[in-house]
Protein backbone atom coordinates (compact mmCIF):
# COMPACT_ATOMS: atom_id res chain seq x y z
CA UNK A 1 4.85 -7.28 26.63
CA UNK A 2 4.61 -5.04 29.70
CA UNK A 3 7.75 -3.05 30.29
CA UNK A 4 9.10 -3.34 26.75
CA UNK A 5 9.30 -0.29 24.54
CA UNK A 6 7.61 -0.38 21.14
CA UNK A 7 8.59 2.04 18.43
CA UNK A 8 6.20 4.55 16.99
CA UNK A 9 6.72 3.02 13.56
CA UNK A 10 5.69 -0.45 14.86
CA UNK A 11 2.60 0.97 16.50
CA UNK A 12 1.65 2.79 13.33
CA UNK A 13 2.09 -0.38 11.27
CA UNK A 14 -0.05 -2.33 13.77
CA UNK A 15 -2.82 0.31 13.55
CA UNK A 16 -2.79 0.11 9.78
CA UNK A 17 -2.81 -3.76 9.92
CA UNK A 18 -5.74 -3.67 12.34
CA UNK A 19 -7.65 -1.41 9.87
CA UNK A 20 -6.77 -3.88 7.09
CA UNK A 21 -8.21 -6.76 9.17
CA UNK A 22 -11.33 -4.75 9.96
CA UNK A 23 -11.85 -4.05 6.22
CA UNK A 24 -11.25 -7.71 5.39
CA UNK A 25 -13.86 -8.80 7.93
CA UNK A 26 -16.37 -6.10 6.90
CA UNK A 27 -16.04 -7.25 3.28
CA UNK A 28 -17.20 -10.69 4.28
CA UNK A 29 -13.80 -12.48 4.52
CA UNK A 30 -14.51 -14.04 7.93
CA UNK A 31 -13.02 -17.47 7.20
CA UNK A 32 -9.44 -16.24 6.77
CA UNK A 33 -6.88 -17.69 9.16
CA UNK A 34 -4.41 -15.45 10.94
CA UNK A 35 -1.61 -16.87 8.66
CA UNK A 36 -3.67 -16.12 5.55
CA UNK A 37 -4.40 -12.59 6.75
CA UNK A 38 -0.67 -11.92 7.15
CA UNK A 39 -0.03 -13.34 3.66
CA UNK A 40 -2.73 -11.08 2.23
CA UNK A 41 -1.41 -8.05 4.14
CA UNK A 42 2.08 -8.65 2.80
CA UNK A 43 0.73 -9.15 -0.72
CA UNK A 44 -1.25 -5.91 -0.53
CA UNK A 45 1.57 -3.85 0.92
CA UNK A 46 4.61 -5.26 -0.97
CA UNK A 47 4.73 -2.25 -3.35
CA UNK A 48 4.04 0.28 -0.61
CA UNK A 49 7.62 1.54 -0.07
CA UNK A 50 8.04 2.12 -3.79
CA UNK A 51 4.70 3.89 -3.97
CA UNK A 52 5.54 6.20 -0.99
CA UNK A 53 8.89 7.02 -2.61
CA UNK A 54 7.18 7.82 -5.94
CA UNK A 55 4.69 10.11 -4.27
CA UNK A 56 7.47 11.92 -2.38
CA UNK A 57 9.39 12.43 -5.69
CA UNK A 58 6.25 13.71 -7.34
CA UNK A 59 5.61 16.19 -4.55
CA UNK A 60 9.20 17.38 -4.72
CA UNK A 61 8.80 17.86 -8.42
CA UNK A 62 5.63 19.88 -7.98
CA UNK A 63 7.36 22.08 -5.46
CA UNK A 64 10.16 22.58 -7.95
CA UNK A 65 7.57 23.70 -10.57
CA UNK A 66 7.37 20.45 -12.63
CA UNK A 67 3.90 19.79 -13.98
CA UNK A 68 4.08 16.04 -14.13
CA UNK A 69 2.53 13.58 -16.64
CA UNK A 70 -0.80 14.34 -18.30
CA UNK A 71 -3.61 12.16 -16.97
CA UNK A 72 -4.34 10.44 -20.26
CA UNK A 73 -0.70 9.48 -20.68
CA UNK A 74 -0.52 8.15 -17.10
CA UNK A 75 -3.79 6.21 -17.58
CA UNK A 76 -2.45 4.48 -20.70
CA UNK A 77 0.77 3.48 -19.01
CA UNK A 78 -1.03 2.44 -15.82
CA UNK A 79 -3.43 0.20 -17.75
CA UNK A 80 -0.68 -1.38 -19.77
CA UNK A 81 1.43 -2.03 -16.69
CA UNK A 82 -1.44 -3.55 -14.68
CA UNK A 83 -2.77 -5.66 -17.59
CA UNK A 84 0.77 -7.01 -17.96
CA UNK A 85 0.88 -7.81 -14.16
CA UNK A 86 -2.49 -9.60 -14.25
CA UNK A 87 -1.40 -11.86 -17.10
CA UNK A 88 1.71 -13.07 -15.23
């Protein structure tokens, strides 16, 4: 890999993936193959772009003076959405 340029985005993603692997190992998952670790990583991060976009929209809304959704309303919707996902 010597002599090739690696983007900052790629380096950042590799750092986060390394932390993911460290957490996986520290939690006792020492029998995971490299292929399984990649599958788990992709499964855990598949919604990440949507989540980042949602947080950015929320922050923009706060800057514009919007108060957002009350916690109890969010909690109800979150639980309903995640219970639905777990039953699929």
